[in-house]
PDB file of N, CA and C in Angstrom:
ATOM      1  N   MET A   1       0.954  -1.222   0.110  1.00  0.00           N
ATOM      2  CA  MET A   1      -0.028  -0.049  -0.002  1.00  0.00           C
ATOM      3  C   MET A   1       0.874   1.328  -0.035  1.00  0.00           C
ATOM      4  N   GLY A   2       0.455   2.205  -0.625  1.00  0.00           N
ATOM      5  CA  GLY A   2       1.099   3.582  -0.552  1.00  0.00           C
ATOM      6  C   GLY A   2       0.670   4.468   0.610  1.00  0.00           C
ATOM      7  N   PHE A   3       1.563   5.630   0.908  1.00  0.00           N
ATOM      8  CA  PHE A   3       0.899   6.287   1.796  1.00  0.00           C
ATOM      9  C   PHE A   3      -0.300   6.933   1.732  1.00  0.00           C
ATOM     10  N   ARG A   4      -0.804   7.259   0.567  1.00  0.00           N
ATOM     11  CA  ARG A   4      -2.164   7.960   0.368  1.00  0.00           C
ATOM     12  C   ARG A   4      -3.144   7.086   0.909  1.00  0.00           C
ATOM     13  N   GLU A   5      -3.162   5.782   0.406  1.00  0.00           N
ATOM     14  CA  GLU A   5      -4.107   4.786   0.888  1.00  0.00           C
ATOM     15  C   GLU A   5      -4.071   4.611   2.589  1.00  0.00           C
ATOM     16  N   ASP A   6      -3.004   4.539   2.976  1.00  0.00           N
ATOM     17  CA  ASP A   6      -2.687   4.334   4.362  1.00  0.00           C
ATOM     18  C   ASP A   6      -3.322   5.472   5.183  1.00  0.00           C
ATOM     19  N   ALA A   7      -3.202   6.610   4.675  1.00  0.00           N
ATOM     20  CA  ALA A   7      -3.572   7.860   5.200  1.00  0.00           C
ATOM     21  C   ALA A   7      -5.110   8.114   5.138  1.00  0.00           C
ATOM     22  N   VAL A   8      -5.798   7.546   4.060  1.00  0.00           N
ATOM     23  CA  VAL A   8      -7.259   7.604   3.891  1.00  0.00           C
ATOM     24  C   VAL A   8      -7.807   6.482   4.823  1.00  0.00           C
ATOM     25  N   ARG A   9      -7.059   5.444   4.980  1.00  0.00           N
ATOM     26  CA  ARG A   9      -7.697   4.258   6.025  1.00  0.00           C
ATOM     27  C   ARG A   9      -7.685   4.868   7.378  1.00  0.00           C
ATOM     28  N   ALA A  10      -6.431   5.759   7.700  1.00  0.00           N
ATOM     29  CA  ALA A  10      -6.269   6.147   9.141  1.00  0.00           C
ATOM     30  C   ALA A  10      -7.435   7.241   9.234  1.00  0.00           C
ATOM     31  N   TYR A  11      -7.579   7.923   8.302  1.00  0.00           N
ATOM     32  CA  TYR A  11      -8.538   9.149   8.518  1.00  0.00           C
ATOM     33  C   TYR A  11     -10.141   8.418   8.753  1.00  0.00           C
ATOM     34  N   GLN A  12     -10.390   7.406   7.922  1.00  0.00           N
ATOM     35  CA  GLN A  12     -11.669   6.798   8.062  1.00  0.00           C
ATOM     36  C   GLN A  12     -11.622   6.041   9.598  1.00  0.00           C
ATOM     37  N   ALA A  13     -10.539   5.481  10.013  1.00  0.00           N
ATOM     38  CA  ALA A  13     -10.500   4.604  11.244  1.00  0.00           C
ATOM     39  C   ALA A  13     -10.818   5.704  12.502  1.00  0.00           C
ATOM     40  N   GLY A  14     -10.237   6.856  12.414  1.00  0.00           N
ATOM     41  CA  GLY A  14     -10.326   8.023  13.476  1.00  0.00           C
ATOM     42  C   GLY A  14     -11.742   8.551  13.373  1.00  0.00           C
ATOM     43  N   TYR A  15     -12.391   8.699  11.918  1.00  0.00           N
ATOM     44  CA  TYR A  15     -13.815   9.190  11.836  1.00  0.00           C
ATOM     45  C   TYR A  15     -14.636   8.305  12.628  1.00  0.00           C
ATOM     46  N   ALA A  16     -14.319   6.918  12.413  1.00  0.00           N
ATOM     47  CA  ALA A  16     -15.293   5.796  13.063  1.00  0.00           C
ATOM     48  C   ALA A  16     -15.125   5.777  14.555  1.00  0.00           C
ATOM     49  N   ALA A  17     -13.965   5.935  15.077  1.00  0.00           N
ATOM     50  CA  ALA A  17     -13.718   6.034  16.399  1.00  0.00           C
ATOM     51  C   ALA A  17     -14.429   7.203  17.183  1.00  0.00           C
ATOM     52  N   GLY A  18     -14.508   8.322  16.541  1.00  0.00           N
ATOM     53  CA  GLY A  18     -15.080   9.578  16.697  1.00  0.00           C
ATOM     54  C   GLY A  18     -16.603   9.155  16.758  1.00  0.00           C
ATOM     55  N   CYS A  19     -17.220   8.621  15.791  1.00  0.00           N
ATOM     56  CA  CYS A  19     -18.644   8.401  15.763  1.00  0.00           C
ATOM     57  C   CYS A  19     -19.135   7.489  16.678  1.00  0.00           C
ATOM     58  N   ASP A  20     -18.178   6.631  17.102  1.00  0.00           N
ATOM     59  CA  ASP A  20     -18.492   5.596  18.130  1.00  0.00           C
ATOM     60  C   ASP A  20     -18.294   6.145  19.646  1.00  0.00           C
ATOM     61  N   GLY A  21     -17.907   7.203  19.803  1.00  0.00           N
ATOM     62  CA  GLY A  21     -17.524   7.968  21.219  1.00  0.00           C
ATOM     63  C   GLY A  21     -16.277   7.260  21.789  1.00  0.00           C
ATOM     64  N   ARG A  22     -15.432   6.666  21.080  1.00  0.00           N
ATOM     65  CA  ARG A  22     -14.385   6.157  21.741  1.00  0.00           C
ATOM     66  C   ARG A  22     -13.205   7.178  22.031  1.00  0.00           C
ATOM     67  N   PRO A  23     -12.570   7.048  23.280  1.00  0.00           N
ATOM     68  CA  PRO A  23     -11.451   7.988  23.338  1.00  0.00           C
ATOM     69  C   PRO A  23     -10.582   8.272  22.392  1.00  0.00           C
ATOM     70  N   PRO A  24     -10.040   9.474  22.286  1.00  0.00           N
ATOM     71  CA  PRO A  24      -8.756   9.574  21.314  1.00  0.00           C
ATOM     72  C   PRO A  24      -7.473   8.932  21.635  1.00  0.00           C
ATOM     73  N   THR A  25      -7.367   8.323  22.962  1.00  0.00           N
ATOM     74  CA  THR A  25      -6.264   7.748  23.172  1.00  0.00           C
ATOM     75  C   THR A  25      -6.244   6.206  22.468  1.00  0.00           C
ATOM     76  N   GLU A  26      -7.015   5.902  21.862  1.00  0.00           N
ATOM     77  CA  GLU A  26      -7.340   4.527  21.001  1.00  0.00           C
ATOM     78  C   GLU A  26      -6.424   4.668  19.794  1.00  0.00           C
ATOM     79  N   CYS A  27      -5.872   5.873  19.425  1.00  0.00           N
ATOM     80  CA  CYS A  27      -5.253   5.852  18.117  1.00  0.00           C
ATOM     81  C   CYS A  27      -4.247   4.839  18.167  1.00  0.00           C
ATOM     82  N   PRO A  28      -4.037   4.029  17.015  1.00  0.00           N
ATOM     83  CA  PRO A  28      -3.134   2.985  17.069  1.00  0.00           C
ATOM     84  C   PRO A  28      -1.760   3.310  16.357  1.00  0.00           C
ATOM     85  N   HIS A  29      -1.607   4.573  15.974  1.00  0.00           N
ATOM     86  CA  HIS A  29      -0.299   5.213  15.433  1.00  0.00           C
ATOM     87  C   HIS A  29       0.561   5.706  16.351  1.00  0.00           C
ATOM     88  N   PRO A  30       1.852   5.510  16.171  1.00  0.00           N
ATOM     89  CA  PRO A  30       2.606   6.325  16.931  1.00  0.00           C
ATOM     90  C   PRO A  30       2.847   7.643  17.059  1.00  0.00           C
ATOM     91  N   ARG A  31       3.326   8.419  18.090  1.00  0.00           N
ATOM     92  CA  ARG A  31       3.408   9.982  17.910  1.00  0.00           C
ATOM     93  C   ARG A  31       4.231  10.326  16.928  1.00  0.00           C
ATOM     94  N   ASN A  32       3.850  11.695  16.423  1.00  0.00           N
ATOM     95  CA  ASN A  32       4.781  12.358  15.545  1.00  0.00           C
ATOM     96  C   ASN A  32       4.717  11.502  13.971  1.00  0.00           C
ATOM     97  N   THR A  33       3.630  10.897  13.789  1.00  0.00           N
ATOM     98  CA  THR A  33       3.569  10.284  12.440  1.00  0.00           C
ATOM     99  C   THR A  33       2.605  10.919  11.548  1.00  0.00           C
ATOM    100  N   SER A  34       2.545  10.977  10.423  1.00  0.00           N
ATOM    101  CA  SER A  34       1.538  11.515   9.505  1.00  0.00           C
ATOM    102  C   SER A  34       0.392  10.676   9.484  1.00  0.00           C
ATOM    103  N   LEU A  35       0.412   9.401   9.809  1.00  0.00           N
ATOM    104  CA  LEU A  35      -0.618   8.405   9.945  1.00  0.00           C
ATOM    105  C   LEU A  35      -1.514   8.974  11.161  1.00  0.00           C
ATOM    106  N   ARG A  36      -0.627   9.444  12.346  1.00  0.00           N
ATOM    107  CA  ARG A  36      -1.564   9.720  13.483  1.00  0.00           C
ATOM    108  C   ARG A  36      -2.271  10.932  13.357  1.00  0.00           C
ATOM    109  N   LEU A  37      -1.634  11.893  12.523  1.00  0.00           N
ATOM    110  CA  LEU A  37      -1.981  13.264  12.080  1.00  0.00           C
ATOM    111  C   LEU A  37      -3.529  12.745  11.375  1.00  0.00           C
ATOM    112  N   ALA A  38      -3.466  11.897  10.377  1.00  0.00           N
ATOM    113  CA  ALA A  38      -4.692  11.591   9.743  1.00  0.00           C
ATOM    114  C   ALA A  38      -5.802  10.969  10.562  1.00  0.00           C
ATOM    115  N   TRP A  39      -5.482  10.093  11.594  1.00  0.00           N
ATOM    116  CA  TRP A  39      -6.423   9.719  12.377  1.00  0.00           C
ATOM    117  C   TRP A  39      -7.006  10.691  13.275  1.00  0.00           C
ATOM    118  N   VAL A  40      -6.169  11.538  13.718  1.00  0.00           N
ATOM    119  CA  VAL A  40      -6.799  12.483  14.430  1.00  0.00           C
ATOM    120  C   VAL A  40      -7.537  13.586  13.933  1.00  0.00           C
ATOM    121  N   ARG A  41      -7.256  13.994  12.651  1.00  0.00           N
ATOM    122  CA  ARG A  41      -8.297  14.771  11.789  1.00  0.00           C
ATOM    123  C   ARG A  41      -9.405  14.099  11.544  1.00  0.00           C
ATOM    124  N   GLY A  42      -9.542  12.645  11.284  1.00  0.00           N
ATOM    125  CA  GLY A  42     -10.624  12.060  11.287  1.00  0.00           C
ATOM    126  C   GLY A  42     -11.577  12.012  12.431  1.00  0.00           C
ATOM    127  N   TYR A  43     -10.958  11.729  13.547  1.00  0.00           N
ATOM    128  CA  TYR A  43     -11.660  11.860  14.802  1.00  0.00           C
ATOM    129  C   TYR A  43     -12.202  13.165  15.128  1.00  0.00           C
ATOM    130  N   ALA A  44     -11.541  14.224  14.917  1.00  0.00           N
ATOM    131  CA  ALA A  44     -11.834  15.573  15.063  1.00  0.00           C
ATOM    132  C   ALA A  44     -13.063  15.955  14.248  1.00  0.00           C
ATOM    133  N   LYS A  45     -13.213  15.436  12.948  1.00  0.00           N
ATOM    134  CA  LYS A  45     -14.337  15.674  12.165  1.00  0.00           C
ATOM    135  C   LYS A  45     -15.470  15.096  12.739  1.00  0.00           C
ATOM    136  N   ALA A  46     -15.426  14.014  13.292  1.00  0.00           N
ATOM    137  CA  ALA A  46     -16.701  13.444  13.874  1.00  0.00           C
ATOM    138  C   ALA A  46     -17.070  13.986  15.079  1.00  0.00           C
ATOM    139  N   ARG A  47     -16.168  14.530  15.911  1.00  0.00           N
ATOM    140  CA  ARG A  47     -16.289  15.180  17.177  1.00  0.00           C
ATOM    141  C   ARG A  47     -15.932  16.506  17.259  1.00  0.00           C
ATOM    142  N   PRO A  48     -16.722  17.570  16.802  1.00  0.00           N
ATOM    143  CA  PRO A  48     -16.228  18.897  16.710  1.00  0.00           C
ATOM    144  C   PRO A  48     -16.529  19.428  18.090  1.00  0.00           C
ATOM    145  N   PHE A  49     -15.633  20.705  18.358  1.00  0.00           N
ATOM    146  CA  PHE A  49     -16.173  21.371  19.597  1.00  0.00           C
ATOM    147  C   PHE A  49     -17.447  21.696  19.714  1.00  0.00           C
ATOM    148  N   GLU A  50     -17.851  22.233  20.733  1.00  0.00           N
ATOM    149  CA  GLU A  50     -19.123  22.770  21.129  1.00  0.00           C
ATOM    150  C   GLU A  50     -19.417  23.779  20.339  1.00  0.00           C
ATOM    151  N   ASP A  51     -18.491  24.719  20.059  1.00  0.00           N
ATOM    152  CA  ASP A  51     -18.713  25.848  19.488  1.00  0.00           C
ATOM    153  C   ASP A  51     -18.690  25.854  17.912  1.00  0.00           C
ATOM    154  N   GLU A  52     -18.188  24.536  17.333  1.00  0.00           N
ATOM    155  CA  GLU A  52     -18.232  24.444  16.059  1.00  0.00           C
ATOM    156  C   GLU A  52     -19.358  23.537  15.657  1.00  0.00           C
ATOM    157  N   ALA A  53     -20.002  22.999  16.739  1.00  0.00           N
ATOM    158  CA  ALA A  53     -21.250  21.988  16.219  1.00  0.00           C
ATOM    159  C   ALA A  53     -22.488  22.903  15.912  1.00  0.00           C
ATOM    160  N   VAL A  54     -23.055  22.407  14.862  1.00  0.00           N
ATOM    161  CA  VAL A  54     -24.413  22.941  14.397  1.00  0.00           C
ATOM    162  C   VAL A  54     -25.548  22.737  15.308  1.00  0.00           C
ATOM    163  N   GLU A  55     -26.220  23.836  15.910  1.00  0.00           N
ATOM    164  CA  GLU A  55     -27.266  23.495  16.643  1.00  0.00           C
ATOM    165  C   GLU A  55     -28.433  23.476  16.022  1.00  0.00           C
ATOM    166  N   PRO A  56     -29.392  22.432  16.402  1.00  0.00           N
ATOM    167  CA  PRO A  56     -30.708  22.366  15.708  1.00  0.00           C
ATOM    168  C   PRO A  56     -31.601  23.502  15.998  1.00  0.00           C
ATOM    169  N   PRO A  57     -32.415  23.843  14.932  1.00  0.00           N
ATOM    170  CA  PRO A  57     -33.396  25.089  15.231  1.00  0.00           C
ATOM    171  C   PRO A  57     -34.389  24.890  16.237  1.00  0.00           C
ATOM    172  N   SER A  58     -34.551  26.044  17.025  1.00  0.00           N
ATOM    173  CA  SER A  58     -35.446  25.914  18.287  1.00  0.00           C
ATOM    174  C   SER A  58     -37.003  25.716  17.673  1.00  0.00           C
ATOM    175  N   ALA A  59     -37.699  25.138  18.508  1.00  0.00           N
ATOM    176  CA  ALA A  59     -39.218  25.049  17.978  1.00  0.00           C
ATOM    177  C   ALA A  59     -39.748  26.377  18.384  1.00  0.00           C
ATOM    178  N   PRO A  60     -40.778  26.874  17.546  1.00  0.00           N
ATOM    179  CA  PRO A  60     -41.358  28.161  17.618  1.00  0.00           C
ATOM    180  C   PRO A  60     -42.173  28.130  18.766  1.00  0.00           C
TER     181      PRO A  60
END
């Protein structure tokens, strides 16, 4: 596999972990690697900060 494919898989795995509510400490990649960065970006996409989250419209 090439790096791009590995990076996409890491991003998708991070996104899935974020959607499942797992802690970010579950990242399987070592520190200071590009695959860890891809995993964390996927995780962050699934779990935005409260001020970045879109709030549902309030009922009238």
